[in-house]
C-alpha atoms as a PDB file:
ATOM      1  CA  UNK A   1       0.073  -0.027   0.100  1.00  0.00           C
ATOM      2  CA  UNK A   2       1.508   3.514  -1.038  1.00  0.00           C
ATOM      3  CA  UNK A   3       2.097   6.116   1.733  1.00  0.00           C
ATOM      4  CA  UNK A   4      -0.230   9.016   1.562  1.00  0.00           C
ATOM      5  CA  UNK A   5       1.346  12.157   0.483  1.00  0.00           C
ATOM      6  CA  UNK A   6       0.780  15.664   2.122  1.00  0.00           C
ATOM      7  CA  UNK A   7       0.968  18.184  -0.671  1.00  0.00           C
ATOM      8  CA  UNK A   8      -0.938  20.896   1.558  1.00  0.00           C
ATOM      9  CA  UNK A   9       1.254  20.274   4.602  1.00  0.00           C
ATOM     10  CA  UNK A  10       4.360  20.478   2.481  1.00  0.00           C
ATOM     11  CA  UNK A  11       3.136  23.959   0.891  1.00  0.00           C
ATOM     12  CA  UNK A  12       2.379  25.191   4.366  1.00  0.00           C
ATOM     13  CA  UNK A  13       5.572  24.283   5.810  1.00  0.00           C
ATOM     14  CA  UNK A  14       7.525  25.912   2.762  1.00  0.00           C
ATOM     15  CA  UNK A  15       5.431  28.945   3.240  1.00  0.00           C
ATOM     16  CA  UNK A  16       6.095  29.041   6.900  1.00  0.00           C
ATOM     17  CA  UNK A  17       9.904  28.764   6.321  1.00  0.00           C
ATOM     18  CA  UNK A  18       9.871  31.675   3.770  1.00  0.00           C
ATOM     19  CA  UNK A  19       7.731  33.968   6.294  1.00  0.00           C
ATOM     20  CA  UNK A  20      10.314  33.070   9.015  1.00  0.00           C
ATOM     21  CA  UNK A  21      13.408  33.800   6.618  1.00  0.00           C
ATOM     22  CA  UNK A  22      11.859  37.114   5.604  1.00  0.00           C
ATOM     23  CA  UNK A  23      11.240  38.058   9.012  1.00  0.00           C
ATOM     24  CA  UNK A  24      14.943  37.996   9.820  1.00  0.00           C
ATOM     25  CA  UNK A  25      15.660  40.527   7.029  1.00  0.00           C
ATOM     26  CA  UNK A  26      15.706  43.632   9.202  1.00  0.00           C
ATOM     27  CA  UNK A  27      17.695  42.264  11.939  1.00  0.00           C
ATOM     28  CA  UNK A  28      21.577  42.501  12.303  1.00  0.00           C
ATOM     29  CA  UNK A  29      23.963  39.872  11.421  1.00  0.00           C
ATOM     30  CA  UNK A  30      24.483  38.323  15.086  1.00  0.00           C
ATOM     31  CA  UNK A  31      20.887  38.184  15.745  1.00  0.00           C
ATOM     32  CA  UNK A  32      20.288  36.265  12.476  1.00  0.00           C
ATOM     33  CA  UNK A  33      23.033  34.025  12.995  1.00  0.00           C
ATOM     34  CA  UNK A  34      21.708  32.975  16.485  1.00  0.00           C
ATOM     35  CA  UNK A  35      18.353  32.410  15.333  1.00  0.00           C
ATOM     36  CA  UNK A  36      19.653  30.524  12.159  1.00  0.00           C
ATOM     37  CA  UNK A  37      22.035  28.247  14.254  1.00  0.00           C
ATOM     38  CA  UNK A  38      19.147  27.712  16.832  1.00  0.00           C
ATOM     39  CA  UNK A  39      16.875  26.754  14.196  1.00  0.00           C
ATOM     40  CA  UNK A  40      18.991  24.456  12.292  1.00  0.00           C
ATOM     41  CA  UNK A  41      20.260  22.649  15.522  1.00  0.00           C
ATOM     42  CA  UNK A  42      16.667  22.231  16.714  1.00  0.00           C
ATOM     43  CA  UNK A  43      15.599  20.881  13.442  1.00  0.00           C
ATOM     44  CA  UNK A  44      18.778  18.534  13.430  1.00  0.00           C
ATOM     45  CA  UNK A  45      17.943  17.264  16.820  1.00  0.00           C
ATOM     46  CA  UNK A  46      14.328  16.749  16.371  1.00  0.00           C
ATOM     47  CA  UNK A  47      14.992  14.814  13.294  1.00  0.00           C
ATOM     48  CA  UNK A  48      17.496  12.467  14.717  1.00  0.00           C
ATOM     49  CA  UNK A  49      15.391  11.976  17.996  1.00  0.00           C
ATOM     50  CA  UNK A  50      12.341  11.056  15.924  1.00  0.00           C
ATOM     51  CA  UNK A  51      14.336   8.624  13.663  1.00  0.00           C
ATOM     52  CA  UNK A  52      15.679   7.135  16.772  1.00  0.00           C
ATOM     53  CA  UNK A  53      12.304   6.717  18.558  1.00  0.00           C
ATOM     54  CA  UNK A  54       9.911   6.780  15.448  1.00  0.00           C
ATOM     55  CA  UNK A  55       7.289   9.062  14.222  1.00  0.00           C
ATOM     56  CA  UNK A  56       6.470  11.913  11.882  1.00  0.00           C
ATOM     57  CA  UNK A  57       9.867  12.986  10.848  1.00  0.00           C
ATOM     58  CA  UNK A  58       8.846  16.230   9.010  1.00  0.00           C
ATOM     59  CA  UNK A  59       6.739  17.266  12.099  1.00  0.00           C
ATOM     60  CA  UNK A  60       9.614  16.625  14.481  1.00  0.00           C
ATOM     61  CA  UNK A  61      11.893  18.786  12.208  1.00  0.00           C
ATOM     62  CA  UNK A  62       9.240  21.507  11.961  1.00  0.00           C
ATOM     63  CA  UNK A  63       8.779  21.660  15.697  1.00  0.00           C
ATOM     64  CA  UNK A  64      12.687  21.363  16.469  1.00  0.00           C
ATOM     65  CA  UNK A  65      13.073  24.335  13.906  1.00  0.00           C
ATOM     66  CA  UNK A  66      10.429  26.531  15.661  1.00  0.00           C
ATOM     67  CA  UNK A  67      11.919  25.722  19.199  1.00  0.00           C
ATOM     68  CA  UNK A  68      15.437  26.046  18.174  1.00  0.00           C
ATOM     69  CA  UNK A  69      14.809  29.409  16.210  1.00  0.00           C
ATOM     70  CA  UNK A  70      12.820  30.690  19.384  1.00  0.00           C
ATOM     71  CA  UNK A  71      15.630  29.538  21.879  1.00  0.00           C
ATOM     72  CA  UNK A  72      18.221  31.258  19.513  1.00  0.00           C
ATOM     73  CA  UNK A  73      16.304  34.656  19.544  1.00  0.00           C
ATOM     74  CA  UNK A  74      15.909  34.399  23.547  1.00  0.00           C
ATOM     75  CA  UNK A  75      19.582  33.649  23.678  1.00  0.00           C
ATOM     76  CA  UNK A  76      20.490  36.791  21.490  1.00  0.00           C
ATOM     77  CA  UNK A  77      18.032  38.944  23.620  1.00  0.00           C
ATOM     78  CA  UNK A  78      19.595  37.863  26.630  1.00  0.00           C
ATOM     79  CA  UNK A  79      23.213  38.403  25.201  1.00  0.00           C
ATOM     80  CA  UNK A  80      22.278  41.631  24.106  1.00  0.00           C
ATOM     81  CA  UNK A  81      20.983  42.842  27.463  1.00  0.00           C
ATOM     82  CA  UNK A  82      23.950  41.450  29.019  1.00  0.00           C
ATOM     83  CA  UNK A  83      26.411  43.385  26.771  1.00  0.00           C
ATOM     84  CA  UNK A  84      24.258  46.286  27.006  1.00  0.00           C
ATOM     85  CA  UNK A  85      23.235  46.930  23.299  1.00  0.00           C
END
C-alpha cells in the first residue's frame, strides 16, 4: 500500500519557512546568525530524535526548527541585554 502524500502540509511548511526567513531581513547579522543556528540545531535534533524513537520526521523537524529558532532569539536578546546593546 503506498504512503499518502501531504502536498498541502508541504506547501504550508514551505510558506512558513519563507515567512520566517523574511522576518529576519531587518535584524543584524548576529541576531540572524543566532536564530539560524538555533533553528538548524533544533531541526537536526528533532529529526534525529524522531528517527531513533519513530514518528513523523517532518513534524519533528518543523517543531525542532521552531523551538530552536525561538531559543536562538531568546539567547540573542539575553546576550544583548548582558552586553548593554
